[in-house]
């Protein structure tokens, strides 16, 4: 059988990384984190039509995961960790459904299709009435549902796997206030998408800390960028132009590269306190270069393992094990983890 060799652009778009990163991985050059290297190679193999090299039992439990397909380091890493976790097990067969349309209608339509064939679904989705109604229908059919990273309210889902997003937002507020150490200061919020319950919780946590302990820190601008890097760039550039004395930016969801680029181009890099979520190749570089001050990170490998473990338990009719909470870690230039 002839194996098709995918192009760099195809791998880049599917993996959510730059073509330069793909080129470094394919040609075995340095400068790429190991987990990113594994993810890119996995995507390249899938595009080439290569089958997985690990054994799967005939009675393996089929698990479906619905995850936004965007140029988002967090989503890309979570997909890679789910696939890696599945490869270590013989009792599951995982299918990842990458959605280009992250809107409520697109997610609901995908869930409706899966409702005809699937037994267990893990998903990252907007907290929207259309999605909630569809999740309820699937649960009524006996399909196990796991919400991942961002919860969906008022649905009978099996469980939520992710961090306490309100606590993550409060940590961001605490760090911003302490890093600025000023009686009066101005901050801006770059929001991924408020329709993600997790993003809304982060914003609420951030604002609550400011009210409680840093009342002189005023939020002078907030922009919703819908997880798009280019939109994040334009909105950040507009904010710093309107507020040249801006003191801090908190990027709640994706879009960190756009924010960083806007700060660099406007000459504000290093003078504006910049906090964001998720350690990646990009944010690691921004920390090292002094563009970003802190990253609030969560372990996607633990998230992937817990999602699979709990879905399997639910399908086997077992009570969920008491699993440890997924930790939130603040990472600064001085404590960036060394890649194994």
Protein backbone atom coordinates (compact mmCIF):
# COMPACT_ATOMS: atom_id res chain seq x y z
CA UNK A 1 0.00 0.00 0.00
CA UNK A 2 1.34 3.44 -0.90
CA UNK A 3 1.54 5.85 2.03
CA UNK A 4 0.75 9.46 1.15
CA UNK A 5 3.29 11.97 2.40
CA UNK A 6 1.39 14.94 3.87
CA UNK A 7 2.63 18.47 3.22
CA UNK A 8 4.04 20.71 5.92
CA UNK A 9 1.04 23.04 5.64
CA UNK A 10 -1.41 20.17 6.19
CA UNK A 11 0.42 18.97 9.29
CA UNK A 12 0.77 22.54 10.59
CA UNK A 13 -2.94 23.28 10.25
CA UNK A 14 -4.07 19.99 11.76
CA UNK A 15 -1.56 20.05 14.64
CA UNK A 16 -2.08 23.73 15.45
CA UNK A 17 1.63 24.59 15.24
CA UNK A 18 3.73 26.62 12.83
CA UNK A 19 5.24 25.19 9.65
CA UNK A 20 8.67 25.97 11.11
CA UNK A 21 7.91 23.72 14.10
CA UNK A 22 6.74 20.93 11.78
CA UNK A 23 9.91 21.29 9.73
CA UNK A 24 12.07 21.01 12.86
CA UNK A 25 10.21 17.87 13.96
CA UNK A 26 10.24 16.14 10.56
CA UNK A 27 13.95 16.85 10.15
CA UNK A 28 14.73 15.90 13.76
CA UNK A 29 16.19 19.29 14.69
CA UNK A 30 16.33 20.75 18.19
CA UNK A 31 14.19 23.54 19.63
CA UNK A 32 10.90 21.66 20.01
CA UNK A 33 9.41 20.39 23.26
CA UNK A 34 9.12 16.61 23.42
CA UNK A 35 5.34 16.59 23.87
CA UNK A 36 5.00 18.86 20.82
CA UNK A 37 7.30 16.58 18.83
CA UNK A 38 5.15 13.54 19.72
CA UNK A 39 1.96 15.40 18.80
CA UNK A 40 3.29 16.53 15.40
CA UNK A 41 4.53 13.02 14.56
CA UNK A 42 1.15 11.57 15.56
CA UNK A 43 -0.70 14.03 13.32
CA UNK A 44 1.70 13.38 10.43
CA UNK A 45 1.18 9.62 10.77
CA UNK A 46 -2.60 10.01 10.83
CA UNK A 47 -2.56 12.20 7.69
CA UNK A 48 -0.32 9.66 5.97
CA UNK A 49 -2.89 6.96 6.67
CA UNK A 50 -0.70 4.95 9.01
CA UNK A 51 -2.56 2.82 11.55
CA UNK A 52 -1.74 2.85 15.29
CA UNK A 53 0.91 0.38 16.39
CA UNK A 54 -0.63 -0.57 19.73
CA UNK A 55 -2.96 -3.52 20.34
CA UNK A 56 -6.64 -2.86 21.11
CA UNK A 57 -8.94 -5.55 22.47
CA UNK A 58 -11.94 -6.58 20.40
CA UNK A 59 -14.26 -5.54 23.26
CA UNK A 60 -12.52 -2.18 23.79
CA UNK A 61 -14.79 0.68 24.85
CA UNK A 62 -15.27 3.26 22.11
CA UNK A 63 -14.77 6.80 23.40
CA UNK A 64 -15.52 9.92 21.36
CA UNK A 65 -13.99 13.30 22.13
CA UNK A 66 -15.36 16.53 20.65
CA UNK A 67 -12.69 19.24 20.78
CA UNK A 68 -12.37 22.57 18.93
CA UNK A 69 -9.94 22.34 16.03
CA UNK A 70 -8.15 25.66 16.36
CA UNK A 71 -4.60 27.00 16.35
CA UNK A 72 -4.64 26.78 20.11
CA UNK A 73 -1.72 25.27 22.00
CA UNK A 74 -3.92 24.06 24.86
CA UNK A 75 -6.34 22.20 22.57
CA UNK A 76 -3.49 20.71 20.53
CA UNK A 77 -1.71 19.49 23.64
CA UNK A 78 -4.88 18.03 25.15
CA UNK A 79 -5.56 16.11 21.93
CA UNK A 80 -1.98 14.80 21.94
CA UNK A 81 -2.30 13.69 25.58
CA UNK A 82 -5.64 11.94 24.99
CA UNK A 83 -4.14 10.07 22.05
CA UNK A 84 -1.02 9.18 24.06
CA UNK A 85 -3.10 7.94 26.99
CA UNK A 86 -5.24 5.80 24.66
CA UNK A 87 -2.10 4.24 23.16
CA UNK A 88 -1.07 3.04 26.62
CA UNK A 89 -4.33 1.14 27.08
CA UNK A 90 -5.84 -1.91 25.38
CA UNK A 91 -9.37 -1.38 26.71
CA UNK A 92 -10.29 1.80 24.81
CA UNK A 93 -10.64 2.91 21.22
CA UNK A 94 -10.55 6.69 21.00
CA UNK A 95 -11.86 8.87 18.19
CA UNK A 96 -11.14 12.61 18.26
CA UNK A 97 -13.66 14.83 16.46
CA UNK A 98 -11.98 18.16 15.76
CA UNK A 99 -14.56 20.87 15.18
CA UNK A 100 -13.69 23.87 13.06
CA UNK A 101 -17.09 25.34 13.97
CA UNK A 102 -17.03 25.83 17.75
CA UNK A 103 -20.41 27.58 17.76
CA UNK A 104 -23.29 26.04 19.65
CA UNK A 105 -25.07 24.84 16.50
CA UNK A 106 -21.99 23.05 15.17
CA UNK A 107 -21.27 21.35 18.49
CA UNK A 108 -24.91 20.33 18.97
CA UNK A 109 -25.07 18.89 15.45
CA UNK A 110 -21.94 16.81 16.09
CA UNK A 111 -23.34 15.55 19.40
CA UNK A 112 -26.61 14.62 17.71
CA UNK A 113 -24.70 12.52 15.17
CA UNK A 114 -22.66 10.84 17.89
CA UNK A 115 -25.86 10.16 19.81
CA UNK A 116 -26.73 7.55 17.17
CA UNK A 117 -23.52 5.54 17.56
CA UNK A 118 -21.53 6.51 20.65
CA UNK A 119 -21.62 5.23 24.23
CA UNK A 120 -19.33 7.80 25.85
CA UNK A 121 -18.39 11.35 24.88
CA UNK A 122 -15.88 13.82 26.30
CA UNK A 123 -16.27 17.37 25.10
CA UNK A 124 -15.11 20.95 25.35
CA UNK A 125 -18.05 23.10 24.41
CA UNK A 126 -19.76 26.42 24.93
CA UNK A 127 -22.24 26.66 27.80
CA UNK A 128 -25.22 27.38 25.53
CA UNK A 129 -28.86 26.35 25.74
CA UNK A 130 -28.61 24.46 22.42
CA UNK A 131 -25.65 22.44 23.68
CA UNK A 132 -27.30 21.87 27.07
CA UNK A 133 -30.46 20.50 25.44
CA UNK A 134 -28.44 18.12 23.28
CA UNK A 135 -26.37 16.88 26.22
CA UNK A 136 -29.57 16.19 28.15
CA UNK A 137 -30.92 14.11 25.24
CA UNK A 138 -27.74 12.06 25.08
CA UNK A 139 -27.76 11.44 28.82
CA UNK A 140 -31.39 10.29 28.60
CA UNK A 141 -30.24 7.67 26.09
CA UNK A 142 -27.68 6.36 28.58
CA UNK A 143 -24.65 7.95 26.94
CA UNK A 144 -21.93 8.93 29.42
CA UNK A 145 -20.83 12.56 29.07
CA UNK A 146 -17.69 14.21 30.40
CA UNK A 147 -17.16 17.96 30.20
CA UNK A 148 -13.49 18.85 29.94
CA UNK A 149 -11.62 22.06 30.89
CA UNK A 150 -14.84 24.12 30.90
CA UNK A 151 -18.01 22.83 32.53
CA UNK A 152 -21.59 23.05 31.23
CA UNK A 153 -24.18 23.97 33.84
CA UNK A 154 -27.50 22.33 34.61
CA UNK A 155 -26.95 19.13 32.64
CA UNK A 156 -26.85 15.55 33.99
CA UNK A 157 -23.33 14.92 32.80
CA UNK A 158 -21.30 12.12 34.38
CA UNK A 159 -18.52 14.41 35.59
CA UNK A 160 -16.33 17.44 34.92
CA UNK A 161 -12.58 17.05 34.37
CA UNK A 162 -10.52 20.20 34.77
CA UNK A 163 -9.23 22.80 37.17
CA UNK A 164 -11.22 25.13 39.39
CA UNK A 165 -11.37 28.00 36.89
CA UNK A 166 -12.61 30.52 39.44
CA UNK A 167 -9.55 29.76 41.58
CA UNK A 168 -7.34 30.15 38.48
CA UNK A 169 -8.83 33.60 37.86
CA UNK A 170 -8.34 34.57 41.50
CA UNK A 171 -4.69 33.50 41.25
CA UNK A 172 -4.30 35.73 38.18
CA UNK A 173 -5.82 38.66 40.08
CA UNK A 174 -3.56 38.07 43.07
CA UNK A 175 -0.43 37.87 40.91
CA UNK A 176 -1.37 40.97 38.91
CA UNK A 177 -1.93 43.05 42.03
CA UNK A 178 1.26 41.87 43.72
CA UNK A 179 3.43 42.25 40.62
CA UNK A 180 2.21 45.80 40.03
CA UNK A 181 2.45 46.80 43.69
CA UNK A 182 0.82 50.19 42.96
CA UNK A 183 -2.01 52.02 44.66
CA UNK A 184 -3.52 53.00 41.33
CA UNK A 185 -3.14 50.97 38.13
CA UNK A 186 -4.94 50.14 34.88
CA UNK A 187 -5.56 46.63 33.57
CA UNK A 188 -7.15 45.14 30.45
CA UNK A 189 -8.84 41.77 29.95
CA UNK A 190 -8.46 39.75 26.75
CA UNK A 191 -11.32 37.25 26.88
CA UNK A 192 -11.33 34.06 24.86
CA UNK A 193 -15.08 33.49 24.76
CA UNK A 194 -17.48 34.22 27.60
CA UNK A 195 -19.73 31.43 26.37
CA UNK A 196 -17.12 29.04 27.79
CA UNK A 197 -18.21 28.69 31.39
CA UNK A 198 -14.55 28.26 32.42
CA UNK A 199 -13.58 31.62 30.91
CA UNK A 200 -16.50 33.31 32.63
CA UNK A 201 -15.40 31.80 35.94
CA UNK A 202 -11.83 33.02 35.45
CA UNK A 203 -13.07 36.54 34.79
CA UNK A 204 -15.28 36.44 37.90
CA UNK A 205 -12.40 35.19 40.04
CA UNK A 206 -10.06 37.88 38.72
CA UNK A 207 -12.56 40.66 39.34
CA UNK A 208 -13.41 39.40 42.84
CA UNK A 209 -9.77 39.57 43.98
CA UNK A 210 -9.45 43.10 42.62
CA UNK A 211 -12.54 44.16 44.57
CA UNK A 212 -11.32 42.50 47.76
CA UNK A 213 -7.64 43.43 47.83
CA UNK A 214 -6.65 45.74 44.96
CA UNK A 215 -9.44 48.30 44.68
CA UNK A 216 -7.08 50.79 43.03
CA UNK A 217 -6.50 48.41 40.10
CA UNK A 218 -9.12 49.39 37.52
CA UNK A 219 -10.13 47.35 34.47
CA UNK A 220 -10.19 49.99 31.72
CA UNK A 221 -10.82 47.70 28.75
CA UNK A 222 -12.08 44.22 27.96
CA UNK A 223 -12.21 42.54 24.58
CA UNK A 224 -13.66 39.17 23.55
CA UNK A 225 -11.43 37.69 20.81
CA UNK A 226 -13.22 34.36 20.25
CA UNK A 227 -9.98 32.38 20.61
CA UNK A 228 -8.48 34.00 17.51
CA UNK A 229 -4.85 35.13 17.49
CA UNK A 230 -5.27 37.83 14.82
CA UNK A 231 -8.27 39.31 16.63
CA UNK A 232 -6.27 39.29 19.87
CA UNK A 233 -3.51 41.23 18.10
CA UNK A 234 -5.88 43.88 16.72
CA UNK A 235 -7.75 44.34 19.98
CA UNK A 236 -4.58 44.53 22.09
CA UNK A 237 -3.04 47.06 19.69
CA UNK A 238 -6.20 49.17 19.95
CA UNK A 239 -6.18 48.99 23.76
CA UNK A 240 -2.56 50.10 24.19
CA UNK A 241 -3.12 52.90 21.68
CA UNK A 242 -6.14 54.10 23.64
CA UNK A 243 -4.42 53.56 27.01
CA UNK A 244 -0.66 54.18 26.54
CA UNK A 245 -0.28 54.13 30.34
CA UNK A 246 -1.73 50.62 30.64
CA UNK A 247 -0.15 48.63 33.47
CA UNK A 248 -1.34 45.05 32.96
CA UNK A 249 -3.05 42.59 30.61
CA UNK A 250 -4.71 39.35 31.65
CA UNK A 251 -5.34 36.99 28.71
CA UNK A 252 -8.04 34.63 29.95
CA UNK A 253 -8.19 32.15 27.06
CA UNK A 254 -6.30 31.65 23.80
CA UNK A 255 -4.73 34.47 21.81
CA UNK A 256 -1.45 34.84 23.71
CA UNK A 257 0.68 35.12 20.53
CA UNK A 258 -1.50 37.96 19.28
CA UNK A 259 -1.24 39.83 22.58
CA UNK A 260 2.52 39.33 22.70
CA UNK A 261 3.00 40.52 19.12
CA UNK A 262 0.91 43.64 19.76
CA UNK A 263 2.94 44.48 22.88
CA UNK A 264 6.19 44.05 20.95
CA UNK A 265 5.05 46.10 17.96
CA UNK A 266 3.74 48.93 20.16
CA UNK A 267 6.89 49.06 22.30
CA UNK A 268 5.05 47.95 25.46
CA UNK A 269 6.67 44.53 25.84
CA UNK A 270 8.26 44.28 29.26
CA UNK A 271 6.62 47.43 30.60
CA UNK A 272 3.10 45.96 30.80
CA UNK A 273 2.55 43.10 33.25
CA UNK A 274 1.27 40.24 31.08
CA UNK A 275 -0.37 37.09 32.49
CA UNK A 276 -1.96 34.24 30.57
CA UNK A 277 -2.87 30.56 30.79
CA UNK A 278 -1.12 27.45 29.51
CA UNK A 279 2.59 26.63 29.22
CA UNK A 280 3.42 26.02 25.55
CA UNK A 281 6.32 26.59 23.17
CA UNK A 282 5.00 30.13 22.65
CA UNK A 283 4.43 31.11 26.28
CA UNK A 284 7.69 29.46 27.34
CA UNK A 285 9.47 31.76 24.91
CA UNK A 286 7.56 34.84 26.07
CA UNK A 287 8.53 34.10 29.68
CA UNK A 288 12.18 33.64 28.75
CA UNK A 289 12.24 36.86 26.70
CA UNK A 290 10.57 38.94 29.42
CA UNK A 291 7.44 39.64 27.38
CA UNK A 292 5.21 37.63 29.73
CA UNK A 293 5.44 37.72 33.52
CA UNK A 294 3.57 34.58 34.57
CA UNK A 295 1.72 31.62 33.11
CA UNK A 296 -1.03 29.83 35.01
CA UNK A 297 -0.70 26.22 33.91
CA UNK A 298 -2.73 23.04 34.23
CA UNK A 299 -1.51 19.53 33.43
CA UNK A 300 -3.30 18.36 30.28
CA UNK A 301 -1.83 14.86 30.61
CA UNK A 302 -3.59 14.41 33.97
CA UNK A 303 -6.76 15.84 32.45
CA UNK A 304 -6.61 13.33 29.59
CA UNK A 305 -5.97 10.38 31.92
CA UNK A 306 -8.83 11.33 34.23
CA UNK A 307 -11.28 11.84 31.37
CA UNK A 308 -10.55 8.39 29.91
CA UNK A 309 -10.47 6.68 33.31
CA UNK A 310 -13.81 8.11 34.39
CA UNK A 311 -15.55 7.47 31.08
CA UNK A 312 -14.40 3.84 31.19
CA UNK A 313 -15.65 3.50 34.79
CA UNK A 314 -19.01 4.99 33.80
CA UNK A 315 -19.41 2.58 30.89
CA UNK A 316 -18.52 -0.35 33.16
CA UNK A 317 -21.12 0.75 35.71
CA UNK A 318 -18.50 1.44 38.35
CA UNK A 319 -18.53 4.36 40.79
CA UNK A 320 -15.88 6.93 39.91
CA UNK A 321 -12.64 6.65 41.84
CA UNK A 322 -11.72 9.57 44.05
CA UNK A 323 -9.11 11.21 41.86
CA UNK A 324 -6.84 14.06 42.96
CA UNK A 325 -7.75 17.59 41.92
CA UNK A 326 -5.89 18.87 38.88
CA UNK A 327 -3.42 21.38 40.20
CA UNK A 328 -3.05 24.98 39.09
CA UNK A 329 0.58 26.07 38.88
CA UNK A 330 1.98 29.57 38.50
CA UNK A 331 5.08 29.54 36.29
CA UNK A 332 7.56 32.41 36.13
CA UNK A 333 10.80 32.88 34.15
CA UNK A 334 12.68 31.47 37.14
CA UNK A 335 10.78 28.17 37.47
CA UNK A 336 9.99 27.11 33.90
CA UNK A 337 9.86 23.30 33.98
CA UNK A 338 12.62 21.48 32.15
CA UNK A 339 11.35 19.20 29.41
CA UNK A 340 12.10 15.49 30.08
